[in-house]
PDB file of N, CA and C in Angstrom:
ATOM      1  N   MET A   1    -126.628  44.226  38.951  1.00  0.00           N
ATOM      2  CA  MET A   1    -126.850  43.741  37.598  1.00  0.00           C
ATOM      3  C   MET A   1    -128.335  43.394  37.455  1.00  0.00           C
ATOM      4  N   VAL A   2    -128.941  43.804  36.360  1.00  0.00           N
ATOM      5  CA  VAL A   2    -130.352  43.544  36.099  1.00  0.00           C
ATOM      6  C   VAL A   2    -130.470  42.307  35.221  1.00  0.00           C
ATOM      7  N   ALA A   3    -131.315  41.377  35.630  1.00  0.00           N
ATOM      8  CA  ALA A   3    -131.525  40.159  34.844  1.00  0.00           C
ATOM      9  C   ALA A   3    -132.335  40.492  33.598  1.00  0.00           C
ATOM     10  N   MET A   4    -131.932  39.923  32.491  1.00  0.00           N
ATOM     11  CA  MET A   4    -132.669  40.135  31.238  1.00  0.00           C
ATOM     12  C   MET A   4    -133.879  39.212  31.225  1.00  0.00           C
ATOM     13  N   THR A   5    -135.014  39.750  30.861  1.00  0.00           N
ATOM     14  CA  THR A   5    -136.235  38.949  30.897  1.00  0.00           C
ATOM     15  C   THR A   5    -136.892  38.807  29.537  1.00  0.00           C
ATOM     16  N   THR A   6    -136.225  39.224  28.475  1.00  0.00           N
ATOM     17  CA  THR A   6    -136.814  39.072  27.149  1.00  0.00           C
ATOM     18  C   THR A   6    -136.789  37.606  26.759  1.00  0.00           C
ATOM     19  N   PRO A   7    -137.703  37.177  25.866  1.00  0.00           N
ATOM     20  CA  PRO A   7    -137.686  35.783  25.422  1.00  0.00           C
ATOM     21  C   PRO A   7    -136.344  35.391  24.815  1.00  0.00           C
ATOM     22  N   PHE A   8    -135.677  36.332  24.136  1.00  0.00           N
ATOM     23  CA  PHE A   8    -134.406  36.002  23.509  1.00  0.00           C
ATOM     24  C   PHE A   8    -133.322  35.755  24.537  1.00  0.00           C
ATOM     25  N   ALA A   9    -133.419  36.393  25.691  1.00  0.00           N
ATOM     26  CA  ALA A   9    -132.428  36.179  26.741  1.00  0.00           C
ATOM     27  C   ALA A   9    -132.513  34.758  27.282  1.00  0.00           C
ATOM     28  N   ARG A  10    -133.698  34.172  27.224  1.00  0.00           N
ATOM     29  CA  ARG A  10    -133.878  32.804  27.719  1.00  0.00           C
ATOM     30  C   ARG A  10    -133.686  31.771  26.613  1.00  0.00           C
ATOM     31  N   GLY A  11    -133.351  32.205  25.413  1.00  0.00           N
ATOM     32  CA  GLY A  11    -133.138  31.281  24.313  1.00  0.00           C
ATOM     33  C   GLY A  11    -134.428  30.874  23.620  1.00  0.00           C
ATOM     34  N   VAL A  12    -135.512  31.599  23.862  1.00  0.00           N
ATOM     35  CA  VAL A  12    -136.793  31.277  23.245  1.00  0.00           C
ATOM     36  C   VAL A  12    -137.027  32.247  22.094  1.00  0.00           C
ATOM     37  N   ARG A  13    -137.369  31.705  20.944  1.00  0.00           N
ATOM     38  CA  ARG A  13    -137.664  32.561  19.798  1.00  0.00           C
ATOM     39  C   ARG A  13    -139.164  32.606  19.572  1.00  0.00           C
ATOM     40  N   ARG A  14    -139.644  33.743  19.150  1.00  0.00           N
ATOM     41  CA  ARG A  14    -141.056  33.874  18.829  1.00  0.00           C
ATOM     42  C   ARG A  14    -141.352  33.103  17.545  1.00  0.00           C
ATOM     43  N   PRO A  15    -142.522  32.473  17.479  1.00  0.00           N
ATOM     44  CA  PRO A  15    -142.887  31.751  16.252  1.00  0.00           C
ATOM     45  C   PRO A  15    -143.004  32.708  15.070  1.00  0.00           C
ATOM     46  N   LYS A  16    -142.506  32.273  13.927  1.00  0.00           N
ATOM     47  CA  LYS A  16    -142.602  33.064  12.699  1.00  0.00           C
ATOM     48  C   LYS A  16    -143.961  32.794  12.067  1.00  0.00           C
ATOM     49  N   PRO A  17    -144.583  33.822  11.514  1.00  0.00           N
ATOM     50  CA  PRO A  17    -145.838  33.593  10.792  1.00  0.00           C
ATOM     51  C   PRO A  17    -145.548  32.898   9.460  1.00  0.00           C
ATOM     52  N   MET A  18    -146.504  32.080   9.003  1.00  0.00           N
ATOM     53  CA  MET A  18    -146.327  31.359   7.749  1.00  0.00           C
ATOM     54  C   MET A  18    -146.722  32.258   6.578  1.00  0.00           C
ATOM     55  N   PRO A  19    -145.780  32.539   5.671  1.00  0.00           N
ATOM     56  CA  PRO A  19    -146.118  33.338   4.491  1.00  0.00           C
ATOM     57  C   PRO A  19    -147.112  32.599   3.598  1.00  0.00           C
ATOM     58  N   GLY A  20    -147.879  33.349   2.854  1.00  0.00           N
ATOM     59  CA  GLY A  20    -148.890  32.768   1.972  1.00  0.00           C
ATOM     60  C   GLY A  20    -148.321  31.802   0.952  1.00  0.00           C
ATOM     61  N   PHE A  21    -147.144  32.116   0.377  1.00  0.00           N
ATOM     62  CA  PHE A  21    -146.575  31.230  -0.642  1.00  0.00           C
ATOM     63  C   PHE A  21    -146.193  29.880  -0.055  1.00  0.00           C
ATOM     64  N   VAL A  22    -145.812  29.850   1.226  1.00  0.00           N
ATOM     65  CA  VAL A  22    -145.468  28.585   1.883  1.00  0.00           C
ATOM     66  C   VAL A  22    -146.742  27.785   2.136  1.00  0.00           C
ATOM     67  N   LYS A  23    -147.763  28.461   2.642  1.00  0.00           N
ATOM     68  CA  LYS A  23    -149.039  27.800   2.904  1.00  0.00           C
ATOM     69  C   LYS A  23    -149.606  27.211   1.610  1.00  0.00           C
ATOM     70  N   SER A  24    -149.547  27.966   0.536  1.00  0.00           N
ATOM     71  CA  SER A  24    -150.039  27.480  -0.760  1.00  0.00           C
ATOM     72  C   SER A  24    -149.262  26.260  -1.237  1.00  0.00           C
ATOM     73  N   ALA A  25    -147.940  26.329  -1.118  1.00  0.00           N
ATOM     74  CA  ALA A  25    -147.100  25.215  -1.576  1.00  0.00           C
ATOM     75  C   ALA A  25    -147.347  23.960  -0.743  1.00  0.00           C
ATOM     76  N   LEU A  26    -147.462  24.115   0.575  1.00  0.00           N
ATOM     77  CA  LEU A  26    -147.715  22.958   1.433  1.00  0.00           C
ATOM     78  C   LEU A  26    -149.080  22.347   1.144  1.00  0.00           C
ATOM     79  N   THR A  27    -150.064  23.192   0.936  1.00  0.00           N
ATOM     80  CA  THR A  27    -151.412  22.705   0.635  1.00  0.00           C
ATOM     81  C   THR A  27    -151.439  21.989  -0.706  1.00  0.00           C
ATOM     82  N   LYS A  28    -150.838  22.599  -1.715  1.00  0.00           N
ATOM     83  CA  LYS A  28    -150.812  22.009  -3.057  1.00  0.00           C
ATOM     84  C   LYS A  28    -150.095  20.655  -3.056  1.00  0.00           C
ATOM     85  N   ALA A  29    -149.015  20.563  -2.287  1.00  0.00           N
ATOM     86  CA  ALA A  29    -148.242  19.317  -2.220  1.00  0.00           C
ATOM     87  C   ALA A  29    -148.818  18.321  -1.212  1.00  0.00           C
ATOM     88  N   LYS A  30    -149.916  18.704  -0.545  1.00  0.00           N
ATOM     89  CA  LYS A  30    -150.549  17.856   0.477  1.00  0.00           C
ATOM     90  C   LYS A  30    -149.564  17.504   1.597  1.00  0.00           C
ATOM     91  N   LEU A  31    -148.785  18.516   2.004  1.00  0.00           N
ATOM     92  CA  LEU A  31    -147.784  18.326   3.050  1.00  0.00           C
ATOM     93  C   LEU A  31    -148.012  19.218   4.272  1.00  0.00           C
ATOM     94  N   MET A  32    -149.160  19.868   4.334  1.00  0.00           N
ATOM     95  CA  MET A  32    -149.428  20.745   5.471  1.00  0.00           C
ATOM     96  C   MET A  32    -149.418  19.960   6.787  1.00  0.00           C
ATOM     97  N   ASN A  33    -150.045  18.789   6.810  1.00  0.00           N
ATOM     98  CA  ASN A  33    -150.044  17.985   8.042  1.00  0.00           C
ATOM     99  C   ASN A  33    -148.636  17.558   8.421  1.00  0.00           C
ATOM    100  N   ALA A  34    -147.825  17.190   7.424  1.00  0.00           N
ATOM    101  CA  ALA A  34    -146.444  16.798   7.705  1.00  0.00           C
ATOM    102  C   ALA A  34    -145.681  17.962   8.330  1.00  0.00           C
ATOM    103  N   PHE A  35    -145.946  19.173   7.839  1.00  0.00           N
ATOM    104  CA  PHE A  35    -145.295  20.357   8.401  1.00  0.00           C
ATOM    105  C   PHE A  35    -145.769  20.602   9.829  1.00  0.00           C
ATOM    106  N   LEU A  36    -147.072  20.544  10.045  1.00  0.00           N
ATOM    107  CA  LEU A  36    -147.630  20.825  11.365  1.00  0.00           C
ATOM    108  C   LEU A  36    -147.275  19.763  12.400  1.00  0.00           C
ATOM    109  N   GLU A  37    -146.957  18.551  11.946  1.00  0.00           N
ATOM    110  CA  GLU A  37    -146.561  17.489  12.869  1.00  0.00           C
ATOM    111  C   GLU A  37    -145.107  17.623  13.327  1.00  0.00           C
ATOM    112  N   ARG A  38    -144.341  18.450  12.641  1.00  0.00           N
ATOM    113  CA  ARG A  38    -142.955  18.668  13.061  1.00  0.00           C
ATOM    114  C   ARG A  38    -142.921  19.459  14.369  1.00  0.00           C
ATOM    115  N   PRO A  39    -141.850  19.295  15.150  1.00  0.00           N
ATOM    116  CA  PRO A  39    -141.731  20.077  16.377  1.00  0.00           C
ATOM    117  C   PRO A  39    -141.733  21.581  16.052  1.00  0.00           C
ATOM    118  N   GLU A  40    -142.191  22.358  17.004  1.00  0.00           N
ATOM    119  CA  GLU A  40    -142.306  23.810  16.794  1.00  0.00           C
ATOM    120  C   GLU A  40    -140.976  24.437  16.382  1.00  0.00           C
ATOM    121  N   TYR A  41    -139.868  23.992  16.986  1.00  0.00           N
ATOM    122  CA  TYR A  41    -138.577  24.583  16.631  1.00  0.00           C
ATOM    123  C   TYR A  41    -138.246  24.334  15.166  1.00  0.00           C
ATOM    124  N   GLN A  42    -138.626  23.166  14.628  1.00  0.00           N
ATOM    125  CA  GLN A  42    -138.343  22.893  13.229  1.00  0.00           C
ATOM    126  C   GLN A  42    -139.208  23.758  12.316  1.00  0.00           C
ATOM    127  N   ARG A  43    -140.482  23.871  12.650  1.00  0.00           N
ATOM    128  CA  ARG A  43    -141.360  24.726  11.844  1.00  0.00           C
ATOM    129  C   ARG A  43    -140.824  26.153  11.824  1.00  0.00           C
ATOM    130  N   ASN A  44    -140.432  26.645  12.981  1.00  0.00           N
ATOM    131  CA  ASN A  44    -139.913  28.006  13.077  1.00  0.00           C
ATOM    132  C   ASN A  44    -138.596  28.150  12.318  1.00  0.00           C
ATOM    133  N   ASP A  45    -137.719  27.165  12.447  1.00  0.00           N
ATOM    134  CA  ASP A  45    -136.435  27.206  11.728  1.00  0.00           C
ATOM    135  C   ASP A  45    -136.658  27.232  10.224  1.00  0.00           C
ATOM    136  N   TYR A  46    -137.545  26.385   9.733  1.00  0.00           N
ATOM    137  CA  TYR A  46    -137.826  26.368   8.298  1.00  0.00           C
ATOM    138  C   TYR A  46    -138.342  27.729   7.819  1.00  0.00           C
ATOM    139  N   LEU A  47    -139.286  28.307   8.558  1.00  0.00           N
ATOM    140  CA  LEU A  47    -139.858  29.585   8.140  1.00  0.00           C
ATOM    141  C   LEU A  47    -138.825  30.711   8.201  1.00  0.00           C
ATOM    142  N   ALA A  48    -137.979  30.705   9.218  1.00  0.00           N
ATOM    143  CA  ALA A  48    -136.921  31.717   9.314  1.00  0.00           C
ATOM    144  C   ALA A  48    -135.913  31.536   8.178  1.00  0.00           C
ATOM    145  N   TRP A  49    -135.598  30.300   7.853  1.00  0.00           N
ATOM    146  CA  TRP A  49    -134.657  29.978   6.783  1.00  0.00           C
ATOM    147  C   TRP A  49    -135.199  30.458   5.441  1.00  0.00           C
ATOM    148  N   LEU A  50    -136.482  30.203   5.192  1.00  0.00           N
ATOM    149  CA  LEU A  50    -137.100  30.682   3.955  1.00  0.00           C
ATOM    150  C   LEU A  50    -137.118  32.203   3.916  1.00  0.00           C
ATOM    151  N   ASP A  51    -137.427  32.829   5.033  1.00  0.00           N
ATOM    152  CA  ASP A  51    -137.490  34.278   5.111  1.00  0.00           C
ATOM    153  C   ASP A  51    -136.120  34.911   4.881  1.00  0.00           C
ATOM    154  N   GLY A  52    -135.073  34.201   5.221  1.00  0.00           N
ATOM    155  CA  GLY A  52    -133.715  34.724   5.066  1.00  0.00           C
ATOM    156  C   GLY A  52    -133.186  34.701   3.648  1.00  0.00           C
ATOM    157  N   ALA A  53    -133.877  34.026   2.744  1.00  0.00           N
ATOM    158  CA  ALA A  53    -133.443  33.986   1.342  1.00  0.00           C
ATOM    159  C   ALA A  53    -133.663  35.354   0.718  1.00  0.00           C
ATOM    160  N   LYS A  54    -132.638  35.912   0.143  1.00  0.00           N
ATOM    161  CA  LYS A  54    -132.729  37.251  -0.440  1.00  0.00           C
ATOM    162  C   LYS A  54    -133.150  37.221  -1.913  1.00  0.00           C
ATOM    163  N   LEU A  55    -132.750  36.210  -2.633  1.00  0.00           N
ATOM    164  CA  LEU A  55    -133.048  36.119  -4.064  1.00  0.00           C
ATOM    165  C   LEU A  55    -134.218  35.172  -4.309  1.00  0.00           C
ATOM    166  N   ALA A  56    -134.999  35.465  -5.327  1.00  0.00           N
ATOM    167  CA  ALA A  56    -136.163  34.637  -5.651  1.00  0.00           C
ATOM    168  C   ALA A  56    -135.760  33.193  -5.944  1.00  0.00           C
ATOM    169  N   ASP A  57    -134.656  33.005  -6.680  1.00  0.00           N
ATOM    170  CA  ASP A  57    -134.195  31.643  -6.987  1.00  0.00           C
ATOM    171  C   ASP A  57    -133.791  30.897  -5.726  1.00  0.00           C
ATOM    172  N   GLN A  58    -133.164  31.598  -4.805  1.00  0.00           N
ATOM    173  CA  GLN A  58    -132.758  30.994  -3.535  1.00  0.00           C
ATOM    174  C   GLN A  58    -133.992  30.598  -2.727  1.00  0.00           C
ATOM    175  N   LYS A  59    -134.985  31.457  -2.686  1.00  0.00           N
ATOM    176  CA  LYS A  59    -136.222  31.174  -1.956  1.00  0.00           C
ATOM    177  C   LYS A  59    -136.925  29.969  -2.571  1.00  0.00           C
ATOM    178  N   LYS A  60    -136.953  29.908  -3.901  1.00  0.00           N
ATOM    179  CA  LYS A  60    -137.595  28.794  -4.609  1.00  0.00           C
ATOM    180  C   LYS A  60    -136.861  27.483  -4.317  1.00  0.00           C
ATOM    181  N   ALA A  61    -135.538  27.518  -4.297  1.00  0.00           N
ATOM    182  CA  ALA A  61    -134.751  26.311  -4.007  1.00  0.00           C
ATOM    183  C   ALA A  61    -134.963  25.848  -2.568  1.00  0.00           C
ATOM    184  N   ARG A  62    -135.038  26.790  -1.640  1.00  0.00           N
ATOM    185  CA  ARG A  62    -135.257  26.424  -0.241  1.00  0.00           C
ATOM    186  C   ARG A  62    -136.655  25.839  -0.041  1.00  0.00           C
ATOM    187  N   LEU A  63    -137.637  26.413  -0.712  1.00  0.00           N
ATOM    188  CA  LEU A  63    -138.994  25.874  -0.614  1.00  0.00           C
ATOM    189  C   LEU A  63    -139.036  24.459  -1.183  1.00  0.00           C
ATOM    190  N   ALA A  64    -138.355  24.227  -2.303  1.00  0.00           N
ATOM    191  CA  ALA A  64    -138.297  22.888  -2.887  1.00  0.00           C
ATOM    192  C   ALA A  64    -137.645  21.905  -1.919  1.00  0.00           C
ATOM    193  N   GLN A  65    -136.583  22.334  -1.228  1.00  0.00           N
ATOM    194  CA  GLN A  65    -135.920  21.463  -0.249  1.00  0.00           C
ATOM    195  C   GLN A  65    -136.862  21.159   0.910  1.00  0.00           C
ATOM    196  N   LEU A  66    -137.586  22.171   1.384  1.00  0.00           N
ATOM    197  CA  LEU A  66    -138.545  21.970   2.471  1.00  0.00           C
ATOM    198  C   LEU A  66    -139.580  20.932   2.075  1.00  0.00           C
ATOM    199  N   LEU A  67    -140.156  21.071   0.890  1.00  0.00           N
ATOM    200  CA  LEU A  67    -141.175  20.130   0.431  1.00  0.00           C
ATOM    201  C   LEU A  67    -140.605  18.723   0.280  1.00  0.00           C
ATOM    202  N   ASP A  68    -139.395  18.633  -0.239  1.00  0.00           N
ATOM    203  CA  ASP A  68    -138.748  17.330  -0.408  1.00  0.00           C
ATOM    204  C   ASP A  68    -138.504  16.662   0.946  1.00  0.00           C
ATOM    205  N   GLU A  69    -138.005  17.430   1.900  1.00  0.00           N
ATOM    206  CA  GLU A  69    -137.721  16.870   3.229  1.00  0.00           C
ATOM    207  C   GLU A  69    -138.996  16.454   3.953  1.00  0.00           C
ATOM    208  N   LEU A  70    -140.046  17.246   3.826  1.00  0.00           N
ATOM    209  CA  LEU A  70    -141.316  16.861   4.452  1.00  0.00           C
ATOM    210  C   LEU A  70    -141.881  15.610   3.795  1.00  0.00           C
ATOM    211  N   GLY A  71    -141.721  15.513   2.485  1.00  0.00           N
ATOM    212  CA  GLY A  71    -142.199  14.331   1.767  1.00  0.00           C
ATOM    213  C   GLY A  71    -141.468  13.071   2.197  1.00  0.00           C
ATOM    214  N   LYS A  72    -140.178  13.179   2.431  1.00  0.00           N
ATOM    215  CA  LYS A  72    -139.386  12.028   2.885  1.00  0.00           C
ATOM    216  C   LYS A  72    -139.705  11.697   4.337  1.00  0.00           C
ATOM    217  N   GLY A  73    -139.877  12.734   5.154  1.00  0.00           N
ATOM    218  CA  GLY A  73    -140.253  12.540   6.551  1.00  0.00           C
ATOM    219  C   GLY A  73    -139.130  12.249   7.519  1.00  0.00           C
ATOM    220  N   ASP A  74    -137.955  11.911   7.028  1.00  0.00           N
ATOM    221  CA  ASP A  74    -136.864  11.554   7.939  1.00  0.00           C
ATOM    222  C   ASP A  74    -135.633  12.447   7.746  1.00  0.00           C
ATOM    223  N   VAL A  75    -135.876  13.660   7.246  1.00  0.00           N
ATOM    224  CA  VAL A  75    -134.794  14.606   7.007  1.00  0.00           C
ATOM    225  C   VAL A  75    -135.206  15.955   7.586  1.00  0.00           C
ATOM    226  N   TYR A  76    -134.238  16.646   8.185  1.00  0.00           N
ATOM    227  CA  TYR A  76    -134.470  17.999   8.689  1.00  0.00           C
ATOM    228  C   TYR A  76    -133.250  18.843   8.359  1.00  0.00           C
ATOM    229  N   MET A  77    -133.445  19.840   7.532  1.00  0.00           N
ATOM    230  CA  MET A  77    -132.380  20.757   7.113  1.00  0.00           C
ATOM    231  C   MET A  77    -131.176  19.996   6.544  1.00  0.00           C
ATOM    232  N   GLY A  78    -131.458  19.005   5.738  1.00  0.00           N
ATOM    233  CA  GLY A  78    -130.413  18.255   5.067  1.00  0.00           C
ATOM    234  C   GLY A  78    -129.765  17.160   5.890  1.00  0.00           C
ATOM    235  N   ALA A  79    -130.209  16.959   7.116  1.00  0.00           N
ATOM    236  CA  ALA A  79    -129.613  15.947   7.986  1.00  0.00           C
ATOM    237  C   ALA A  79    -130.659  14.905   8.366  1.00  0.00           C
ATOM    238  N   PRO A  80    -130.222  13.665   8.607  1.00  0.00           N
ATOM    239  CA  PRO A  80    -131.181  12.645   9.036  1.00  0.00           C
ATOM    240  C   PRO A  80    -131.882  13.066  10.319  1.00  0.00           C
ATOM    241  N   TRP A  81    -133.163  12.714  10.417  1.00  0.00           N
ATOM    242  CA  TRP A  81    -133.961  13.059  11.593  1.00  0.00           C
ATOM    243  C   TRP A  81    -134.991  11.967  11.822  1.00  0.00           C
ATOM    244  N   SER A  82    -135.181  11.614  13.060  1.00  0.00           N
ATOM    245  CA  SER A  82    -136.207  10.646  13.421  1.00  0.00           C
ATOM    246  C   SER A  82    -137.209  11.323  14.328  1.00  0.00           C
ATOM    247  N   PRO A  83    -138.482  11.248  13.974  1.00  0.00           N
ATOM    248  CA  PRO A  83    -139.474  11.831  14.876  1.00  0.00           C
ATOM    249  C   PRO A  83    -139.479  11.095  16.200  1.00  0.00           C
ATOM    250  N   PRO A  84    -139.777  11.799  17.276  1.00  0.00           N
ATOM    251  CA  PRO A  84    -139.826  11.113  18.568  1.00  0.00           C
ATOM    252  C   PRO A  84    -140.983  10.115  18.594  1.00  0.00           C
ATOM    253  N   PRO A  85    -140.826   9.049  19.358  1.00  0.00           N
ATOM    254  CA  PRO A  85    -141.919   8.078  19.435  1.00  0.00           C
ATOM    255  C   PRO A  85    -143.144   8.718  20.088  1.00  0.00           C
ATOM    256  N   PRO A  86    -144.328   8.264  19.711  1.00  0.00           N
ATOM    257  CA  PRO A  86    -145.526   8.831  20.323  1.00  0.00           C
ATOM    258  C   PRO A  86    -145.567   8.553  21.815  1.00  0.00           C
ATOM    259  N   VAL A  87    -146.120   9.482  22.540  1.00  0.00           N
ATOM    260  CA  VAL A  87    -146.251   9.334  23.989  1.00  0.00           C
ATOM    261  C   VAL A  87    -147.460   8.443  24.256  1.00  0.00           C
ATOM    262  N   THR A  88    -147.238   7.409  25.023  1.00  0.00           N
ATOM    263  CA  THR A  88    -148.353   6.510  25.368  1.00  0.00           C
ATOM    264  C   THR A  88    -148.653   6.656  26.839  1.00  0.00           C
ATOM    265  N   LYS A  89    -149.922   6.629  27.145  1.00  0.00           N
ATOM    266  CA  LYS A  89    -150.342   6.712  28.544  1.00  0.00           C
ATOM    267  C   LYS A  89    -150.353   5.319  29.139  1.00  0.00           C
ATOM    268  N   THR A  90    -149.793   5.190  30.319  1.00  0.00           N
ATOM    269  CA  THR A  90    -149.737   3.880  30.967  1.00  0.00           C
ATOM    270  C   THR A  90    -150.750   3.772  32.074  1.00  0.00           C
TER     271      THR A  90
END
């Protein structure tokens, strides 16, 4: 049996590129830092979720939800979320 060595075999997903409309919306809403401070898996999940919207209205609604959740800071994909505490050096 040959071991699979692709990133997907190990459960690792490649980062999704940020579409221009997302970058514009985050910049306009002054939420780019809030987005970039999220863990990589969340950023990737959000971008994949937006990319999966087939209809323009669906994409617009998902973008609005993303902006709302980033603005609140304690929500991720409609569920409560707490950022991890900062790492302190001892």
